[in-house]
């Protein structure tokens, strides 16, 4: 049985990146919970989620919205996501960091040490 994990994304004014993420998240297995925290963005995340998330993803996706636009409030958005996660393990990602669905079997099969902190290596694809 895969170990469930929550993937947490802060969102602020990046609708095209959110659409790209949702295209990948639609392919994630059911053991992955997705949490998006809209950090008071003038361009809300909800319409993008409604347009691009498939029903199977919507069943395990939770969207929160901070109603006050506080500049550079990404850490609070991350904390909200961590507080609301319903799994023992979380992965905090920026919206512009794509975690391919092809990597999910390795992530879900990984047995982490509860006293360690883990980081993913980053690889650039294409131009910045």
N, C-alpha and C. Protein backbone atom coordinates (compact mmCIF):
# COMPACT_ATOMS: atom_id res chain seq x y z
N UNK A 1 0.85 -1.19 0.00
CA UNK A 1 0.00 0.00 0.00
C UNK A 1 0.89 1.24 0.00
N UNK A 2 0.68 2.15 -0.96
CA UNK A 2 1.51 3.36 -0.98
C UNK A 2 1.29 4.22 0.26
N UNK A 3 2.36 4.87 0.67
CA UNK A 3 2.27 5.81 1.79
C UNK A 3 1.69 7.12 1.26
N UNK A 4 0.53 7.56 1.73
CA UNK A 4 -0.06 8.78 1.20
C UNK A 4 0.79 10.01 1.52
N UNK A 5 0.73 10.97 0.63
CA UNK A 5 1.49 12.20 0.77
C UNK A 5 0.62 13.37 0.31
N UNK A 6 0.84 14.52 0.91
CA UNK A 6 0.18 15.75 0.47
C UNK A 6 1.19 16.62 -0.25
N UNK A 7 0.83 17.10 -1.43
CA UNK A 7 1.65 18.03 -2.18
C UNK A 7 1.01 19.40 -2.01
N UNK A 8 1.79 20.37 -1.53
CA UNK A 8 1.25 21.69 -1.19
C UNK A 8 1.87 22.74 -2.09
N UNK A 9 1.01 23.57 -2.70
CA UNK A 9 1.44 24.66 -3.57
C UNK A 9 0.87 25.98 -3.09
N UNK A 10 1.69 26.99 -2.83
CA UNK A 10 1.15 28.34 -2.66
C UNK A 10 0.87 28.91 -4.05
N UNK A 11 -0.20 29.66 -4.18
CA UNK A 11 -0.56 30.26 -5.47
C UNK A 11 -0.65 31.77 -5.32
N UNK A 12 -0.02 32.48 -6.24
CA UNK A 12 -0.19 33.93 -6.31
C UNK A 12 0.05 34.39 -7.75
N UNK A 13 -1.01 34.77 -8.39
CA UNK A 13 -0.98 35.42 -9.70
C UNK A 13 -0.17 34.66 -10.76
N UNK A 14 -0.35 33.35 -10.82
CA UNK A 14 0.31 32.53 -11.84
C UNK A 14 -0.69 31.57 -12.47
N UNK A 15 -1.75 32.06 -13.09
CA UNK A 15 -2.77 31.14 -13.61
C UNK A 15 -2.24 30.18 -14.68
N UNK A 16 -1.32 30.62 -15.51
CA UNK A 16 -0.81 29.70 -16.55
C UNK A 16 0.03 28.59 -15.93
N UNK A 17 0.80 28.90 -14.88
CA UNK A 17 1.58 27.86 -14.20
C UNK A 17 0.65 26.90 -13.46
N UNK A 18 -0.42 27.43 -12.88
CA UNK A 18 -1.37 26.56 -12.20
C UNK A 18 -2.03 25.62 -13.20
N UNK A 19 -2.38 26.11 -14.37
CA UNK A 19 -2.97 25.26 -15.41
C UNK A 19 -1.99 24.16 -15.81
N UNK A 20 -0.72 24.49 -15.95
CA UNK A 20 0.30 23.50 -16.28
C UNK A 20 0.43 22.47 -15.16
N UNK A 21 0.45 22.92 -13.92
CA UNK A 21 0.52 21.99 -12.78
C UNK A 21 -0.69 21.06 -12.77
N UNK A 22 -1.87 21.61 -12.98
CA UNK A 22 -3.08 20.80 -12.93
C UNK A 22 -3.07 19.72 -14.01
N UNK A 23 -2.50 20.02 -15.17
CA UNK A 23 -2.39 19.01 -16.23
C UNK A 23 -1.56 17.83 -15.73
N UNK A 24 -0.52 18.11 -14.96
CA UNK A 24 0.32 17.04 -14.40
C UNK A 24 -0.38 16.38 -13.21
N UNK A 25 -0.98 17.18 -12.33
CA UNK A 25 -1.65 16.65 -11.14
C UNK A 25 -2.81 15.74 -11.50
N UNK A 26 -3.45 15.97 -12.62
CA UNK A 26 -4.54 15.11 -13.08
C UNK A 26 -4.07 13.67 -13.27
N UNK A 27 -2.78 13.47 -13.47
CA UNK A 27 -2.22 12.14 -13.70
C UNK A 27 -1.72 11.47 -12.41
N UNK A 28 -1.73 12.19 -11.30
CA UNK A 28 -1.23 11.63 -10.04
C UNK A 28 -2.16 10.53 -9.53
N UNK A 29 -1.61 9.53 -8.83
CA UNK A 29 -2.45 8.46 -8.28
C UNK A 29 -3.28 8.96 -7.08
N UNK A 30 -4.32 8.19 -6.72
CA UNK A 30 -5.22 8.61 -5.63
C UNK A 30 -4.54 8.78 -4.27
N UNK A 31 -3.37 8.20 -4.05
CA UNK A 31 -2.69 8.32 -2.75
C UNK A 31 -2.10 9.71 -2.53
N UNK A 32 -2.17 10.57 -3.54
CA UNK A 32 -1.58 11.91 -3.43
C UNK A 32 -2.69 12.94 -3.23
N UNK A 33 -2.67 13.58 -2.07
CA UNK A 33 -3.58 14.68 -1.79
C UNK A 33 -2.92 15.96 -2.30
N UNK A 34 -3.71 16.86 -2.88
CA UNK A 34 -3.18 18.11 -3.40
C UNK A 34 -3.84 19.26 -2.63
N UNK A 35 -3.00 20.16 -2.14
CA UNK A 35 -3.49 21.35 -1.44
C UNK A 35 -2.92 22.58 -2.14
N UNK A 36 -3.81 23.47 -2.53
CA UNK A 36 -3.41 24.74 -3.15
C UNK A 36 -3.90 25.84 -2.23
N UNK A 37 -2.99 26.74 -1.86
CA UNK A 37 -3.35 27.86 -1.00
C UNK A 37 -3.19 29.14 -1.82
N UNK A 38 -4.32 29.74 -2.17
CA UNK A 38 -4.35 31.00 -2.91
C UNK A 38 -4.08 32.11 -1.89
N UNK A 39 -2.96 32.77 -2.05
CA UNK A 39 -2.48 33.74 -1.08
C UNK A 39 -3.01 35.15 -1.36
N UNK A 40 -4.32 35.27 -1.54
CA UNK A 40 -4.94 36.57 -1.76
C UNK A 40 -4.66 37.14 -3.14
N UNK A 41 -4.41 36.28 -4.10
CA UNK A 41 -4.07 36.71 -5.45
C UNK A 41 -5.19 37.52 -6.09
N UNK A 42 -4.84 38.62 -6.79
CA UNK A 42 -5.86 39.37 -7.53
C UNK A 42 -6.50 38.53 -8.64
N UNK A 43 -5.79 37.52 -9.11
CA UNK A 43 -6.32 36.55 -10.07
C UNK A 43 -6.54 35.25 -9.30
N UNK A 44 -7.74 34.99 -8.80
CA UNK A 44 -7.97 33.83 -7.94
C UNK A 44 -7.67 32.49 -8.63
N UNK A 45 -7.31 31.52 -7.83
CA UNK A 45 -7.00 30.18 -8.32
C UNK A 45 -8.26 29.38 -8.67
N UNK A 46 -9.37 29.64 -8.01
CA UNK A 46 -10.57 28.81 -8.16
C UNK A 46 -11.02 28.65 -9.62
N UNK A 47 -11.11 29.71 -10.42
CA UNK A 47 -11.55 29.50 -11.81
C UNK A 47 -10.60 28.61 -12.61
N UNK A 48 -9.31 28.71 -12.35
CA UNK A 48 -8.34 27.88 -13.05
C UNK A 48 -8.51 26.42 -12.64
N UNK A 49 -8.71 26.19 -11.35
CA UNK A 49 -8.93 24.83 -10.84
C UNK A 49 -10.20 24.25 -11.46
N UNK A 50 -11.28 25.02 -11.48
CA UNK A 50 -12.54 24.53 -12.06
C UNK A 50 -12.37 24.18 -13.54
N UNK A 51 -11.58 24.95 -14.25
CA UNK A 51 -11.41 24.74 -15.68
C UNK A 51 -10.49 23.56 -16.01
N UNK A 52 -9.45 23.32 -15.20
CA UNK A 52 -8.40 22.37 -15.58
C UNK A 52 -8.34 21.08 -14.76
N UNK A 53 -8.94 21.04 -13.59
CA UNK A 53 -8.86 19.83 -12.75
C UNK A 53 -9.97 18.85 -13.15
N UNK A 54 -9.58 17.62 -13.37
CA UNK A 54 -10.55 16.56 -13.68
C UNK A 54 -11.27 16.14 -12.40
N UNK A 55 -12.45 15.52 -12.53
CA UNK A 55 -13.22 15.11 -11.34
C UNK A 55 -12.43 14.25 -10.36
N UNK A 56 -11.62 13.31 -10.85
CA UNK A 56 -10.84 12.45 -9.94
C UNK A 56 -9.86 13.27 -9.11
N UNK A 57 -9.27 14.30 -9.70
CA UNK A 57 -8.36 15.18 -8.96
C UNK A 57 -9.15 16.03 -7.96
N UNK A 58 -10.29 16.54 -8.37
CA UNK A 58 -11.09 17.38 -7.47
C UNK A 58 -11.49 16.65 -6.19
N UNK A 59 -11.62 15.32 -6.27
CA UNK A 59 -11.98 14.54 -5.07
C UNK A 59 -10.89 14.58 -4.01
N UNK A 60 -9.64 14.83 -4.40
CA UNK A 60 -8.53 14.83 -3.44
C UNK A 60 -7.76 16.14 -3.44
N UNK A 61 -8.35 17.17 -4.02
CA UNK A 61 -7.75 18.49 -4.05
C UNK A 61 -8.50 19.40 -3.09
N UNK A 62 -7.74 20.13 -2.29
CA UNK A 62 -8.35 21.13 -1.42
C UNK A 62 -7.75 22.48 -1.77
N UNK A 63 -8.62 23.44 -1.91
CA UNK A 63 -8.22 24.80 -2.28
C UNK A 63 -8.62 25.74 -1.15
N UNK A 64 -7.64 26.50 -0.67
CA UNK A 64 -7.88 27.50 0.37
C UNK A 64 -7.53 28.86 -0.20
N UNK A 65 -8.20 29.89 0.30
CA UNK A 65 -7.92 31.25 -0.17
C UNK A 65 -7.75 32.18 1.02
N UNK A 66 -6.61 32.85 1.08
CA UNK A 66 -6.38 33.91 2.05
C UNK A 66 -7.07 35.14 1.49
N UNK A 67 -7.87 35.82 2.30
CA UNK A 67 -8.68 36.93 1.77
C UNK A 67 -7.98 38.28 1.82
N UNK A 68 -6.85 38.36 2.49
CA UNK A 68 -6.08 39.60 2.55
C UNK A 68 -4.79 39.41 1.76
N UNK A 69 -4.52 40.32 0.85
CA UNK A 69 -3.32 40.24 0.02
C UNK A 69 -2.13 40.84 0.78
N UNK A 70 -1.39 39.98 1.47
CA UNK A 70 -0.21 40.40 2.23
C UNK A 70 1.01 40.17 1.33
N UNK A 71 1.83 41.21 1.07
CA UNK A 71 2.98 41.02 0.19
C UNK A 71 3.94 39.93 0.70
N UNK A 72 4.41 39.13 -0.23
CA UNK A 72 5.40 38.09 0.03
C UNK A 72 5.00 37.19 1.21
N UNK A 73 3.80 36.66 1.13
CA UNK A 73 3.22 35.87 2.22
C UNK A 73 3.29 34.36 1.94
N UNK A 74 4.22 33.93 1.11
CA UNK A 74 4.31 32.53 0.70
C UNK A 74 4.46 31.59 1.90
N UNK A 75 5.25 31.99 2.90
CA UNK A 75 5.46 31.11 4.05
C UNK A 75 4.17 30.84 4.80
N UNK A 76 3.33 31.85 4.95
CA UNK A 76 2.05 31.62 5.62
C UNK A 76 1.17 30.68 4.79
N UNK A 77 1.18 30.84 3.48
CA UNK A 77 0.42 29.93 2.62
C UNK A 77 0.93 28.50 2.79
N UNK A 78 2.24 28.34 2.86
CA UNK A 78 2.81 27.00 3.08
C UNK A 78 2.37 26.44 4.45
N UNK A 79 2.38 27.28 5.47
CA UNK A 79 1.98 26.84 6.80
C UNK A 79 0.51 26.41 6.83
N UNK A 80 -0.34 27.16 6.13
CA UNK A 80 -1.76 26.78 6.05
C UNK A 80 -1.88 25.40 5.41
N UNK A 81 -1.16 25.19 4.31
CA UNK A 81 -1.20 23.89 3.65
C UNK A 81 -0.74 22.77 4.55
N UNK A 82 0.36 23.00 5.28
CA UNK A 82 0.88 21.97 6.19
C UNK A 82 -0.11 21.69 7.32
N UNK A 83 -0.74 22.72 7.82
CA UNK A 83 -1.72 22.55 8.90
C UNK A 83 -2.92 21.75 8.42
N UNK A 84 -3.33 21.96 7.19
CA UNK A 84 -4.53 21.32 6.66
C UNK A 84 -4.28 19.95 6.04
N UNK A 85 -3.04 19.55 5.89
CA UNK A 85 -2.72 18.25 5.28
C UNK A 85 -3.27 17.12 6.13
N UNK A 86 -3.85 16.14 5.48
CA UNK A 86 -4.44 15.00 6.18
C UNK A 86 -3.54 13.78 6.10
N UNK A 87 -2.27 13.97 5.75
CA UNK A 87 -1.34 12.86 5.63
C UNK A 87 -0.16 13.09 6.58
N UNK A 88 0.58 12.03 6.84
CA UNK A 88 1.76 12.15 7.70
C UNK A 88 2.91 12.83 6.96
N UNK A 89 2.94 12.71 5.64
CA UNK A 89 4.05 13.24 4.86
C UNK A 89 3.56 14.31 3.91
N UNK A 90 4.35 15.39 3.80
CA UNK A 90 4.01 16.47 2.89
C UNK A 90 5.22 16.80 2.02
N UNK A 91 4.93 17.36 0.87
CA UNK A 91 5.97 17.92 -0.01
C UNK A 91 5.53 19.33 -0.34
N UNK A 92 6.36 20.29 -0.01
CA UNK A 92 6.09 21.70 -0.29
C UNK A 92 6.78 22.06 -1.60
N UNK A 93 6.02 22.50 -2.59
CA UNK A 93 6.58 22.85 -3.89
C UNK A 93 6.14 24.25 -4.28
N UNK A 94 7.00 24.95 -4.99
CA UNK A 94 6.58 26.21 -5.61
C UNK A 94 5.78 25.85 -6.85
N UNK A 95 4.90 26.74 -7.25
CA UNK A 95 4.03 26.46 -8.39
C UNK A 95 4.82 26.27 -9.68
N UNK A 96 5.99 26.87 -9.77
CA UNK A 96 6.78 26.73 -10.99
C UNK A 96 7.77 25.57 -10.94
N UNK A 97 7.63 24.69 -9.96
CA UNK A 97 8.44 23.47 -9.86
C UNK A 97 7.54 22.27 -10.11
N UNK A 98 7.73 21.65 -11.23
CA UNK A 98 6.88 20.54 -11.64
C UNK A 98 7.44 19.21 -11.13
N UNK A 99 6.62 18.44 -10.48
CA UNK A 99 6.98 17.09 -10.03
C UNK A 99 6.23 16.12 -10.94
N UNK A 100 6.92 15.55 -11.94
CA UNK A 100 6.24 14.72 -12.94
C UNK A 100 5.52 13.52 -12.33
N UNK A 101 4.37 13.21 -12.89
CA UNK A 101 3.58 12.06 -12.44
C UNK A 101 4.38 10.77 -12.55
N UNK A 102 5.29 10.69 -13.49
CA UNK A 102 6.12 9.49 -13.65
C UNK A 102 6.97 9.21 -12.41
N UNK A 103 7.22 10.21 -11.57
CA UNK A 103 8.02 10.04 -10.36
C UNK A 103 7.19 9.58 -9.16
N UNK A 104 5.87 9.56 -9.29
CA UNK A 104 5.01 9.23 -8.16
C UNK A 104 5.23 7.83 -7.60
N UNK A 105 5.42 6.78 -8.42
CA UNK A 105 5.67 5.46 -7.81
C UNK A 105 6.90 5.46 -6.90
N UNK A 106 7.96 6.14 -7.32
CA UNK A 106 9.17 6.20 -6.48
C UNK A 106 8.90 6.99 -5.20
N UNK A 107 8.18 8.10 -5.32
CA UNK A 107 7.88 8.92 -4.14
C UNK A 107 6.99 8.14 -3.17
N UNK A 108 5.95 7.50 -3.69
CA UNK A 108 5.02 6.78 -2.82
C UNK A 108 5.63 5.51 -2.24
N UNK A 109 6.63 4.94 -2.91
CA UNK A 109 7.29 3.74 -2.41
C UNK A 109 8.44 4.03 -1.46
N UNK A 110 8.83 5.29 -1.36
CA UNK A 110 9.94 5.69 -0.50
C UNK A 110 9.52 5.59 0.96
N UNK A 111 10.38 5.01 1.79
CA UNK A 111 10.11 4.92 3.23
C UNK A 111 11.00 5.94 3.92
N UNK A 112 10.43 7.09 4.28
CA UNK A 112 11.25 8.14 4.88
C UNK A 112 11.58 7.88 6.34
N UNK A 113 12.66 8.48 6.77
CA UNK A 113 13.06 8.45 8.17
C UNK A 113 12.38 9.65 8.84
N UNK A 114 11.56 9.45 9.86
CA UNK A 114 10.80 10.55 10.44
C UNK A 114 11.63 11.63 11.12
N UNK A 115 12.92 11.41 11.33
CA UNK A 115 13.74 12.45 11.96
C UNK A 115 14.60 13.20 10.93
N UNK A 116 14.36 12.97 9.65
CA UNK A 116 15.16 13.63 8.61
C UNK A 116 14.31 14.60 7.81
N UNK A 117 14.99 15.53 7.18
CA UNK A 117 14.39 16.52 6.29
C UNK A 117 14.90 16.19 4.89
N UNK A 118 14.03 16.15 3.91
CA UNK A 118 14.42 15.76 2.56
C UNK A 118 14.21 16.91 1.57
N UNK A 119 15.08 16.95 0.57
CA UNK A 119 14.96 17.93 -0.51
C UNK A 119 15.03 17.18 -1.84
N UNK A 120 14.30 17.69 -2.81
CA UNK A 120 14.34 17.13 -4.16
C UNK A 120 15.43 17.82 -4.96
N UNK A 121 16.13 17.08 -5.81
CA UNK A 121 17.02 17.77 -6.76
C UNK A 121 16.16 18.47 -7.80
N UNK A 122 16.66 19.56 -8.36
CA UNK A 122 15.91 20.30 -9.38
C UNK A 122 16.64 20.20 -10.70
N UNK A 123 15.87 19.99 -11.76
CA UNK A 123 16.44 19.90 -13.10
C UNK A 123 15.68 20.88 -14.00
N UNK A 124 16.42 21.66 -14.74
CA UNK A 124 15.81 22.62 -15.65
C UNK A 124 15.48 21.95 -16.97
N UNK A 125 14.27 22.19 -17.47
CA UNK A 125 13.87 21.73 -18.78
C UNK A 125 13.54 22.94 -19.62
N UNK A 126 14.20 23.09 -20.74
CA UNK A 126 13.92 24.22 -21.60
C UNK A 126 14.58 25.48 -21.09
N UNK A 127 14.09 26.60 -21.58
CA UNK A 127 14.65 27.90 -21.21
C UNK A 127 13.98 28.44 -19.96
N UNK A 128 14.72 29.27 -19.23
CA UNK A 128 14.17 29.89 -18.02
C UNK A 128 13.16 30.96 -18.40
